[in-house]
Amino acid sequence: MKKERPVNTIPLIKRMAVAPHIVWAILFIIAPLLFTAYFAFTDKSGNFTLSNIRGLANDNYIKIFSRSVILALIATVVCLIIAYPISYVISKYKGNKQKVMIMLIMLPMWTNLLIRTYSWMAILEDTGFLNTILGYVGIGPLHMINTEQAVIFGMIYNFLPYMILPIYSVMSKLDKSLTEVAADLGCNNFKIMTKITLPLTKSGIVSGITMVFVPSISTFYISQKLGGGNFDLIGDTIERQFQVANNYNLGASISLVLMIIILISMAVMNHFADSDEGGMVV
C-alpha cells in the first residue's frame, strides 16, 4: 500500500502572505491610477477626448510646470549640498552619538507639516521674528514671505531629512578599510571622497534625490502658505481644479502629466545609478 505524499503547504502560505499586499496595491495604487487616466481622457459626459491634454499646451500651464520643476530642482540640489556633509559627519560618530544625531535630525518631523509651515510664516513675515532680530542690528526689514525663495526654503526645511537619512544609511555601512587602504596608497582626502566615498554612496544619493524631488514638485500647502498665492505650482493647480472649479477631468489630466514627469525623473536617476555601477579606481 502506497503512502500518500504530504501536501506541500508552503506555496499556499506564500500566496496567502502576498495577498494583502496585492489587495493594497490594487486599491491604493492601481485603482487611483486607472481613475486618473479615465478622467484625463474623458469629458464631463464621459466621452473620450484629448482636449484636456491639449489644453495643457498653453503658455499658462507651461509656465506653471516649468516653475514647479525649477523650484523642485533647486530645493533638491540645495538639500543634497547640505545633507551630504551632514551625513558624512554623522557616520563618523560612534554608538549612541549617531543615534542622538539622527534623533535630532528627525525631531522636527514629529511635528505636523501644517504646524511647521505656519511657524515659518510667523518667522519670515515682514514683522516676524527674523525681521525683528535683524532690526536690532540695523538690517531690514527684508521681504521674505510670499516669494519663491520662501517656498524653496520651506521645501528644503521640510524635506531635508529625506535626503540625509538614505545617504547616512549607506555611509554608515561603508567598509572603512577601503579609505585606509586608499590613504596608504597615497590618496589625499579629495581623491578618497571622489574615488571611493561618492561612488559607494551613489545609491543613497539617488534615493535621497528621489525622496526630495517628488514631494517638492507636487507640494501645494508649502507654496500656498509661504508663497502667499502669488504664483501657482502644479500641486496648487490640481487642488484648485478638484476643490474650487470642480473640473475633475482637467485636474486628472494635470495629475497624469505630473506622474509622467515624476516617472521620467526617476528613470533618469536610475539610469545614472545603474550606468555608474562597477569597480572603483584609486
C-alpha atoms as a PDB file:
ATOM      1  CA  MET A   1       0.000   0.000   0.000  1.00  0.00           C
ATOM      2  CA  LYS A   2       1.480   3.305  -1.142  1.00  0.00           C
ATOM      3  CA  LYS A   3       1.748   6.145   1.304  1.00  0.00           C
ATOM      4  CA  GLU A   4       0.213   9.433   0.229  1.00  0.00           C
ATOM      5  CA  ARG A   5       2.672  12.258  -0.143  1.00  0.00           C
ATOM      6  CA  PRO A   6       2.138  15.142   2.288  1.00  0.00           C
ATOM      7  CA  VAL A   7       0.592  18.152   0.711  1.00  0.00           C
ATOM      8  CA  ASN A   8       3.114  20.933   0.278  1.00  0.00           C
ATOM      9  CA  THR A   9       1.546  23.874   2.074  1.00  0.00           C
ATOM     10  CA  ILE A  10       4.455  26.297   1.600  1.00  0.00           C
ATOM     11  CA  PRO A  11       3.282  27.722  -1.780  1.00  0.00           C
ATOM     12  CA  LEU A  12      -0.204  28.190  -0.318  1.00  0.00           C
ATOM     13  CA  ILE A  13       1.227  30.030   2.680  1.00  0.00           C
ATOM     14  CA  LYS A  14       3.293  32.242   0.358  1.00  0.00           C
ATOM     15  CA  ARG A  15       0.224  33.128  -1.684  1.00  0.00           C
ATOM     16  CA  MET A  16      -1.739  33.938   1.444  1.00  0.00           C
ATOM     17  CA  ALA A  17       1.105  36.141   2.706  1.00  0.00           C
ATOM     18  CA  VAL A  18       1.283  38.053  -0.589  1.00  0.00           C
ATOM     19  CA  ALA A  19      -2.500  38.506  -0.889  1.00  0.00           C
ATOM     20  CA  PRO A  20      -2.807  41.529   1.452  1.00  0.00           C
ATOM     21  CA  HIS A  21      -0.069  43.345  -0.452  1.00  0.00           C
ATOM     22  CA  ILE A  22      -1.789  42.640  -3.758  1.00  0.00           C
ATOM     23  CA  VAL A  23      -5.114  43.927  -2.420  1.00  0.00           C
ATOM     24  CA  TRP A  24      -3.391  47.038  -1.053  1.00  0.00           C
ATOM     25  CA  ALA A  25      -1.684  47.704  -4.396  1.00  0.00           C
ATOM     26  CA  ILE A  26      -4.940  47.280  -6.324  1.00  0.00           C
ATOM     27  CA  LEU A  27      -6.964  49.543  -4.022  1.00  0.00           C
ATOM     28  CA  PHE A  28      -4.464  52.323  -3.391  1.00  0.00           C
ATOM     29  CA  ILE A  29      -2.117  52.278  -6.406  1.00  0.00           C
ATOM     30  CA  ILE A  30      -3.642  50.683  -9.485  1.00  0.00           C
ATOM     31  CA  ALA A  31      -7.247  51.832  -8.968  1.00  0.00           C
ATOM     32  CA  PRO A  32      -6.346  55.536  -8.424  1.00  0.00           C
ATOM     33  CA  LEU A  33      -4.116  55.456 -11.495  1.00  0.00           C
ATOM     34  CA  LEU A  34      -6.932  53.990 -13.585  1.00  0.00           C
ATOM     35  CA  PHE A  35      -9.391  56.593 -12.303  1.00  0.00           C
ATOM     36  CA  THR A  36      -6.894  59.367 -13.083  1.00  0.00           C
ATOM     37  CA  ALA A  37      -6.372  58.072 -16.623  1.00  0.00           C
ATOM     38  CA  TYR A  38     -10.132  57.697 -17.139  1.00  0.00           C
ATOM     39  CA  PHE A  39     -10.963  61.270 -16.107  1.00  0.00           C
ATOM     40  CA  ALA A  40      -7.955  62.664 -18.005  1.00  0.00           C
ATOM     41  CA  PHE A  41      -9.173  61.236 -21.318  1.00  0.00           C
ATOM     42  CA  THR A  42     -12.903  61.886 -20.901  1.00  0.00           C
ATOM     43  CA  ASP A  43     -15.143  64.934 -20.695  1.00  0.00           C
ATOM     44  CA  LYS A  44     -17.864  65.666 -18.155  1.00  0.00           C
ATOM     45  CA  SER A  45     -20.254  63.460 -20.127  1.00  0.00           C
ATOM     46  CA  GLY A  46     -17.845  60.525 -20.029  1.00  0.00           C
ATOM     47  CA  ASN A  47     -16.977  60.719 -23.723  1.00  0.00           C
ATOM     48  CA  PHE A  48     -13.409  60.103 -24.865  1.00  0.00           C
ATOM     49  CA  THR A  49     -11.487  63.297 -25.636  1.00  0.00           C
ATOM     50  CA  LEU A  50      -7.951  64.616 -25.868  1.00  0.00           C
ATOM     51  CA  SER A  51      -8.970  68.214 -25.225  1.00  0.00           C
ATOM     52  CA  ASN A  52      -7.903  68.034 -21.568  1.00  0.00           C
ATOM     53  CA  ILE A  53      -4.351  67.089 -22.538  1.00  0.00           C
ATOM     54  CA  ARG A  54      -4.247  69.564 -25.431  1.00  0.00           C
ATOM     55  CA  GLY A  55      -5.403  72.328 -23.102  1.00  0.00           C
ATOM     56  CA  LEU A  56      -2.218  71.987 -21.076  1.00  0.00           C
ATOM     57  CA  ALA A  57      -0.127  73.166 -24.030  1.00  0.00           C
ATOM     58  CA  ASN A  58      -0.935  76.847 -23.472  1.00  0.00           C
ATOM     59  CA  ASP A  59       1.629  79.258 -22.049  1.00  0.00           C
ATOM     60  CA  ASN A  60       0.000  79.493 -18.627  1.00  0.00           C
ATOM     61  CA  TYR A  61       0.270  75.773 -17.847  1.00  0.00           C
ATOM     62  CA  ILE A  62       3.735  75.516 -19.409  1.00  0.00           C
ATOM     63  CA  LYS A  63       4.858  78.319 -17.074  1.00  0.00           C
ATOM     64  CA  ILE A  64       3.368  76.512 -14.073  1.00  0.00           C
ATOM     65  CA  PHE A  65       5.060  73.222 -14.955  1.00  0.00           C
ATOM     66  CA  SER A  66       8.386  74.946 -15.642  1.00  0.00           C
ATOM     67  CA  ARG A  67       8.285  76.886 -12.365  1.00  0.00           C
ATOM     68  CA  SER A  68       7.423  73.744 -10.404  1.00  0.00           C
ATOM     69  CA  VAL A  69      10.288  71.757 -11.925  1.00  0.00           C
ATOM     70  CA  ILE A  70      12.811  74.571 -11.426  1.00  0.00           C
ATOM     71  CA  LEU A  71      11.878  75.211  -7.783  1.00  0.00           C
ATOM     72  CA  ALA A  72      11.880  71.473  -7.038  1.00  0.00           C
ATOM     73  CA  LEU A  73      15.303  71.068  -8.677  1.00  0.00           C
ATOM     74  CA  ILE A  74      16.756  73.992  -6.716  1.00  0.00           C
ATOM     75  CA  ALA A  75      15.398  72.616  -3.441  1.00  0.00           C
ATOM     76  CA  THR A  76      16.722  69.135  -4.265  1.00  0.00           C
ATOM     77  CA  VAL A  77      20.217  70.378  -5.157  1.00  0.00           C
ATOM     78  CA  VAL A  78      20.443  72.530  -2.021  1.00  0.00           C
ATOM     79  CA  CYS A  79      19.243  69.604   0.107  1.00  0.00           C
ATOM     80  CA  LEU A  80      21.945  67.396  -1.427  1.00  0.00           C
ATOM     81  CA  ILE A  81      24.652  70.010  -0.799  1.00  0.00           C
ATOM     82  CA  ILE A  82      23.584  70.346   2.841  1.00  0.00           C
ATOM     83  CA  ALA A  83      22.771  66.693   3.506  1.00  0.00           C
ATOM     84  CA  TYR A  84      25.927  65.042   2.173  1.00  0.00           C
ATOM     85  CA  PRO A  85      28.435  66.606   4.580  1.00  0.00           C
ATOM     86  CA  ILE A  86      25.968  66.245   7.472  1.00  0.00           C
ATOM     87  CA  SER A  87      25.540  62.543   6.683  1.00  0.00           C
ATOM     88  CA  TYR A  88      29.303  62.157   6.408  1.00  0.00           C
ATOM     89  CA  VAL A  89      29.898  63.771   9.797  1.00  0.00           C
ATOM     90  CA  ILE A  90      27.170  61.710  11.490  1.00  0.00           C
ATOM     91  CA  SER A  91      28.552  58.482  10.013  1.00  0.00           C
ATOM     92  CA  LYS A  92      31.904  59.225  11.684  1.00  0.00           C
ATOM     93  CA  TYR A  93      30.360  59.238  15.144  1.00  0.00           C
ATOM     94  CA  LYS A  94      30.142  56.002  17.079  1.00  0.00           C
ATOM     95  CA  GLY A  95      27.425  54.263  19.066  1.00  0.00           C
ATOM     96  CA  ASN A  96      24.920  56.425  20.878  1.00  0.00           C
ATOM     97  CA  LYS A  97      26.244  59.651  19.370  1.00  0.00           C
ATOM     98  CA  GLN A  98      24.970  58.562  15.955  1.00  0.00           C
ATOM     99  CA  LYS A  99      21.559  57.754  17.409  1.00  0.00           C
ATOM    100  CA  VAL A 100      21.353  61.156  19.117  1.00  0.00           C
ATOM    101  CA  MET A 101      22.308  62.993  15.922  1.00  0.00           C
ATOM    102  CA  ILE A 102      19.718  61.088  13.878  1.00  0.00           C
ATOM    103  CA  MET A 103      17.094  61.770  16.528  1.00  0.00           C
ATOM    104  CA  LEU A 104      17.862  65.500  16.313  1.00  0.00           C
ATOM    105  CA  ILE A 105      17.510  65.318  12.531  1.00  0.00           C
ATOM    106  CA  MET A 106      14.144  63.607  12.848  1.00  0.00           C
ATOM    107  CA  LEU A 107      12.860  65.703  15.750  1.00  0.00           C
ATOM    108  CA  PRO A 108      11.156  68.382  13.575  1.00  0.00           C
ATOM    109  CA  MET A 109       9.349  65.605  11.683  1.00  0.00           C
ATOM    110  CA  TRP A 110       7.471  64.740  14.857  1.00  0.00           C
ATOM    111  CA  THR A 111       5.533  67.984  14.359  1.00  0.00           C
ATOM    112  CA  ASN A 112       2.832  68.140  11.717  1.00  0.00           C
ATOM    113  CA  LEU A 113       3.754  69.690   8.353  1.00  0.00           C
ATOM    114  CA  LEU A 114       0.980  72.293   8.697  1.00  0.00           C
ATOM    115  CA  ILE A 115       2.246  73.456  12.086  1.00  0.00           C
ATOM    116  CA  ARG A 116       5.846  73.655  10.858  1.00  0.00           C
ATOM    117  CA  THR A 117       4.794  75.702   7.839  1.00  0.00           C
ATOM    118  CA  TYR A 118       2.676  78.066   9.935  1.00  0.00           C
ATOM    119  CA  SER A 119       5.650  78.525  12.250  1.00  0.00           C
ATOM    120  CA  TRP A 120       7.849  79.608   9.363  1.00  0.00           C
ATOM    121  CA  MET A 121       5.155  82.017   8.209  1.00  0.00           C
ATOM    122  CA  ALA A 122       5.435  83.748  11.591  1.00  0.00           C
ATOM    123  CA  ILE A 123       9.230  83.726  11.367  1.00  0.00           C
ATOM    124  CA  LEU A 124       9.522  85.054   7.790  1.00  0.00           C
ATOM    125  CA  GLU A 125       6.800  87.734   7.877  1.00  0.00           C
ATOM    126  CA  ASP A 126       7.789  91.379   7.441  1.00  0.00           C
ATOM    127  CA  THR A 127       7.033  91.913  11.132  1.00  0.00           C
ATOM    128  CA  GLY A 128       8.041  88.402  12.121  1.00  0.00           C
ATOM    129  CA  PHE A 129      10.667  87.032  14.443  1.00  0.00           C
ATOM    130  CA  LEU A 130      13.541  87.084  11.933  1.00  0.00           C
ATOM    131  CA  ASN A 131      12.957  90.660  10.800  1.00  0.00           C
ATOM    132  CA  THR A 132      12.645  91.738  14.423  1.00  0.00           C
ATOM    133  CA  ILE A 133      16.086  90.291  15.154  1.00  0.00           C
ATOM    134  CA  LEU A 134      17.517  91.907  12.004  1.00  0.00           C
ATOM    135  CA  GLY A 135      16.009  95.227  13.061  1.00  0.00           C
ATOM    136  CA  TYR A 136      18.013  95.176  16.273  1.00  0.00           C
ATOM    137  CA  VAL A 137      21.252  95.095  14.264  1.00  0.00           C
ATOM    138  CA  GLY A 138      20.097  97.740  11.792  1.00  0.00           C
ATOM    139  CA  ILE A 139      19.180  95.437   8.901  1.00  0.00           C
ATOM    140  CA  GLY A 140      15.809  95.220   7.231  1.00  0.00           C
ATOM    141  CA  PRO A 141      13.028  94.690   7.320  1.00  0.00           C
ATOM    142  CA  LEU A 142      13.587  92.224   4.492  1.00  0.00           C
ATOM    143  CA  HIS A 143      10.633  90.995   2.476  1.00  0.00           C
ATOM    144  CA  MET A 144      10.962  87.210   2.623  1.00  0.00           C
ATOM    145  CA  ILE A 145       7.412  85.874   2.865  1.00  0.00           C
ATOM    146  CA  ASN A 146       5.222  85.332  -0.223  1.00  0.00           C
ATOM    147  CA  THR A 147       8.217  84.813  -2.519  1.00  0.00           C
ATOM    148  CA  GLU A 148       9.632  81.907  -4.496  1.00  0.00           C
ATOM    149  CA  GLN A 149      12.666  81.944  -2.213  1.00  0.00           C
ATOM    150  CA  ALA A 150      10.420  81.370   0.809  1.00  0.00           C
ATOM    151  CA  VAL A 151       8.796  78.404  -0.944  1.00  0.00           C
ATOM    152  CA  ILE A 152      12.203  76.907  -1.759  1.00  0.00           C
ATOM    153  CA  PHE A 153      13.253  77.407   1.847  1.00  0.00           C
ATOM    154  CA  GLY A 154      10.094  75.659   3.032  1.00  0.00           C
ATOM    155  CA  MET A 155      10.797  72.714   0.737  1.00  0.00           C
ATOM    156  CA  ILE A 156      14.380  72.453   1.976  1.00  0.00           C
ATOM    157  CA  TYR A 157      13.367  72.643   5.627  1.00  0.00           C
ATOM    158  CA  ASN A 158      10.592  70.074   5.351  1.00  0.00           C
ATOM    159  CA  PHE A 159      12.288  67.564   3.043  1.00  0.00           C
ATOM    160  CA  LEU A 160      15.954  67.770   4.113  1.00  0.00           C
ATOM    161  CA  PRO A 161      15.669  64.734   6.464  1.00  0.00           C
ATOM    162  CA  TYR A 162      14.538  62.655   3.469  1.00  0.00           C
ATOM    163  CA  MET A 163      17.888  63.414   1.855  1.00  0.00           C
ATOM    164  CA  ILE A 164      20.002  62.899   4.964  1.00  0.00           C
ATOM    165  CA  LEU A 165      18.623  59.532   6.055  1.00  0.00           C
ATOM    166  CA  PRO A 166      19.272  57.433   2.907  1.00  0.00           C
ATOM    167  CA  ILE A 167      22.740  58.929   2.419  1.00  0.00           C
ATOM    168  CA  TYR A 168      23.627  58.357   6.070  1.00  0.00           C
ATOM    169  CA  SER A 169      22.251  54.822   5.894  1.00  0.00           C
ATOM    170  CA  VAL A 170      24.646  53.962   3.064  1.00  0.00           C
ATOM    171  CA  MET A 171      27.608  55.838   4.557  1.00  0.00           C
ATOM    172  CA  SER A 172      27.297  54.132   7.928  1.00  0.00           C
ATOM    173  CA  LYS A 173      27.705  50.744   6.227  1.00  0.00           C
ATOM    174  CA  LEU A 174      30.828  51.613   4.217  1.00  0.00           C
ATOM    175  CA  ASP A 175      33.883  49.463   4.769  1.00  0.00           C
ATOM    176  CA  LYS A 176      36.274  51.891   6.443  1.00  0.00           C
ATOM    177  CA  SER A 177      39.245  49.756   5.471  1.00  0.00           C
ATOM    178  CA  LEU A 178      38.826  50.961   1.871  1.00  0.00           C
ATOM    179  CA  THR A 179      39.587  54.564   2.819  1.00  0.00           C
ATOM    180  CA  GLU A 180      42.506  53.409   4.960  1.00  0.00           C
ATOM    181  CA  VAL A 181      43.980  51.465   2.063  1.00  0.00           C
ATOM    182  CA  ALA A 182      43.498  54.429  -0.272  1.00  0.00           C
ATOM    183  CA  ALA A 183      45.283  56.697   2.183  1.00  0.00           C
ATOM    184  CA  ASP A 184      48.156  54.194   2.450  1.00  0.00           C
ATOM    185  CA  LEU A 185      48.409  54.208  -1.358  1.00  0.00           C
ATOM    186  CA  GLY A 186      48.875  57.975  -1.344  1.00  0.00           C
ATOM    187  CA  CYS A 187      45.364  59.300  -1.981  1.00  0.00           C
ATOM    188  CA  ASN A 188      44.533  62.610  -0.372  1.00  0.00           C
ATOM    189  CA  ASN A 189      41.137  63.347   1.201  1.00  0.00           C
ATOM    190  CA  PHE A 190      39.756  64.788  -2.047  1.00  0.00           C
ATOM    191  CA  LYS A 191      40.611  61.666  -4.045  1.00  0.00           C
ATOM    192  CA  ILE A 192      39.243  59.411  -1.323  1.00  0.00           C
ATOM    193  CA  MET A 193      35.973  61.341  -1.402  1.00  0.00           C
ATOM    194  CA  THR A 194      35.624  61.397  -5.198  1.00  0.00           C
ATOM    195  CA  LYS A 195      37.003  57.928  -5.990  1.00  0.00           C
ATOM    196  CA  ILE A 196      35.641  55.882  -3.092  1.00  0.00           C
ATOM    197  CA  THR A 197      33.052  57.577  -0.887  1.00  0.00           C
ATOM    198  CA  LEU A 198      30.963  59.188  -3.632  1.00  0.00           C
ATOM    199  CA  PRO A 199      30.733  56.091  -5.878  1.00  0.00           C
ATOM    200  CA  LEU A 200      29.879  53.828  -2.956  1.00  0.00           C
ATOM    201  CA  THR A 201      27.178  56.183  -1.654  1.00  0.00           C
ATOM    202  CA  LYS A 202      25.577  56.720  -5.049  1.00  0.00           C
ATOM    203  CA  SER A 203      22.552  54.592  -4.202  1.00  0.00           C
ATOM    204  CA  GLY A 204      21.841  56.741  -1.156  1.00  0.00           C
ATOM    205  CA  ILE A 205      22.191  59.909  -3.216  1.00  0.00           C
ATOM    206  CA  VAL A 206      19.758  58.633  -5.837  1.00  0.00           C
ATOM    207  CA  SER A 207      17.254  57.610  -3.167  1.00  0.00           C
ATOM    208  CA  GLY A 208      17.584  60.965  -1.436  1.00  0.00           C
ATOM    209  CA  ILE A 209      17.137  62.944  -4.650  1.00  0.00           C
ATOM    210  CA  THR A 210      14.022  60.950  -5.488  1.00  0.00           C
ATOM    211  CA  MET A 211      12.562  61.328  -1.997  1.00  0.00           C
ATOM    212  CA  VAL A 212      13.058  65.119  -2.080  1.00  0.00           C
ATOM    213  CA  PHE A 213      12.242  65.895  -5.701  1.00  0.00           C
ATOM    214  CA  VAL A 214       8.923  64.001  -5.799  1.00  0.00           C
ATOM    215  CA  PRO A 215       7.246  65.779  -2.843  1.00  0.00           C
ATOM    216  CA  SER A 216       8.823  69.107  -3.836  1.00  0.00           C
ATOM    217  CA  ILE A 217       7.384  69.117  -7.343  1.00  0.00           C
ATOM    218  CA  SER A 218       3.943  68.037  -6.134  1.00  0.00           C
ATOM    219  CA  THR A 219       3.655  70.190  -2.997  1.00  0.00           C
ATOM    220  CA  PHE A 220       0.816  72.664  -2.667  1.00  0.00           C
ATOM    221  CA  TYR A 221       0.486  73.577   1.010  1.00  0.00           C
ATOM    222  CA  ILE A 222       4.006  74.996   1.321  1.00  0.00           C
ATOM    223  CA  SER A 223       3.580  77.110  -1.816  1.00  0.00           C
ATOM    224  CA  GLN A 224       0.182  78.392  -0.679  1.00  0.00           C
ATOM    225  CA  LYS A 225       1.335  79.488   2.767  1.00  0.00           C
ATOM    226  CA  LEU A 226       4.895  80.636   2.124  1.00  0.00           C
ATOM    227  CA  GLY A 227       4.156  81.815  -1.416  1.00  0.00           C
ATOM    228  CA  GLY A 228       1.003  83.654  -0.429  1.00  0.00           C
ATOM    229  CA  GLY A 229      -0.855  82.575  -3.574  1.00  0.00           C
ATOM    230  CA  ASN A 230       1.227  84.969  -5.681  1.00  0.00           C
ATOM    231  CA  PHE A 231       2.130  82.163  -8.083  1.00  0.00           C
ATOM    232  CA  ASP A 232       0.917  78.654  -8.798  1.00  0.00           C
ATOM    233  CA  LEU A 233       2.735  75.354  -8.760  1.00  0.00           C
ATOM    234  CA  ILE A 234       1.440  72.074 -10.140  1.00  0.00           C
ATOM    235  CA  GLY A 235       0.010  70.989  -6.800  1.00  0.00           C
ATOM    236  CA  ASP A 236      -1.873  74.282  -6.383  1.00  0.00           C
ATOM    237  CA  THR A 237      -3.383  73.971  -9.845  1.00  0.00           C
ATOM    238  CA  ILE A 238      -4.514  70.389  -9.271  1.00  0.00           C
ATOM    239  CA  GLU A 239      -6.077  71.244  -5.919  1.00  0.00           C
ATOM    240  CA  ARG A 240      -7.936  74.191  -7.424  1.00  0.00           C
ATOM    241  CA  GLN A 241      -9.413  72.058 -10.194  1.00  0.00           C
ATOM    242  CA  PHE A 242     -10.723  69.497  -7.693  1.00  0.00           C
ATOM    243  CA  GLN A 243     -11.709  71.739  -4.788  1.00  0.00           C
ATOM    244  CA  VAL A 244     -12.823  75.005  -6.422  1.00  0.00           C
ATOM    245  CA  ALA A 245     -13.512  74.557 -10.133  1.00  0.00           C
ATOM    246  CA  ASN A 246     -14.923  71.018  -9.765  1.00  0.00           C
ATOM    247  CA  ASN A 247     -13.232  70.183 -13.045  1.00  0.00           C
ATOM    248  CA  TYR A 248     -12.091  66.649 -12.311  1.00  0.00           C
ATOM    249  CA  ASN A 249     -11.186  65.996 -15.929  1.00  0.00           C
ATOM    250  CA  LEU A 250      -8.694  68.854 -16.191  1.00  0.00           C
ATOM    251  CA  GLY A 251      -7.352  68.118 -12.716  1.00  0.00           C
ATOM    252  CA  ALA A 252      -6.822  64.472 -13.659  1.00  0.00           C
ATOM    253  CA  SER A 253      -5.017  65.444 -16.861  1.00  0.00           C
ATOM    254  CA  ILE A 254      -2.632  67.702 -14.904  1.00  0.00           C
ATOM    255  CA  SER A 255      -2.092  64.881 -12.407  1.00  0.00           C
ATOM    256  CA  LEU A 256      -1.324  62.490 -15.261  1.00  0.00           C
ATOM    257  CA  VAL A 257       1.298  64.829 -16.702  1.00  0.00           C
ATOM    258  CA  LEU A 258       2.792  65.268 -13.217  1.00  0.00           C
ATOM    259  CA  MET A 259       3.058  61.494 -12.829  1.00  0.00           C
ATOM    260  CA  ILE A 260       4.791  61.251 -16.197  1.00  0.00           C
ATOM    261  CA  ILE A 261       7.304  63.938 -15.166  1.00  0.00           C
ATOM    262  CA  ILE A 262       8.000  62.091 -11.906  1.00  0.00           C
ATOM    263  CA  LEU A 263       8.405  58.737 -13.683  1.00  0.00           C
ATOM    264  CA  ILE A 264      10.793  60.275 -16.227  1.00  0.00           C
ATOM    265  CA  SER A 265      12.894  61.866 -13.486  1.00  0.00           C
ATOM    266  CA  MET A 266      13.047  58.569 -11.572  1.00  0.00           C
ATOM    267  CA  ALA A 267      14.002  56.691 -14.736  1.00  0.00           C
ATOM    268  CA  VAL A 268      16.800  59.174 -15.436  1.00  0.00           C
ATOM    269  CA  MET A 269      18.141  58.886 -11.885  1.00  0.00           C
ATOM    270  CA  ASN A 270      18.026  55.076 -12.002  1.00  0.00           C
ATOM    271  CA  HIS A 271      19.794  55.118 -15.367  1.00  0.00           C
ATOM    272  CA  PHE A 272      22.690  57.148 -13.992  1.00  0.00           C
ATOM    273  CA  ALA A 273      22.849  54.990 -10.886  1.00  0.00           C
ATOM    274  CA  ASP A 274      22.949  51.767 -12.920  1.00  0.00           C
ATOM    275  CA  SER A 275      25.373  53.040 -15.574  1.00  0.00           C
ATOM    276  CA  ASP A 276      27.938  54.081 -12.993  1.00  0.00           C
ATOM    277  CA  GLU A 277      27.960  50.809 -11.070  1.00  0.00           C
ATOM    278  CA  GLY A 278      31.181  48.961 -11.009  1.00  0.00           C
ATOM    279  CA  GLY A 279      34.636  48.954  -9.528  1.00  0.00           C
ATOM    280  CA  MET A 280      36.466  51.923  -8.107  1.00  0.00           C
ATOM    281  CA  VAL A 281      39.614  53.451  -9.439  1.00  0.00           C
ATOM    282  CA  VAL A 282      42.021  54.827  -6.846  1.00  0.00           C
END
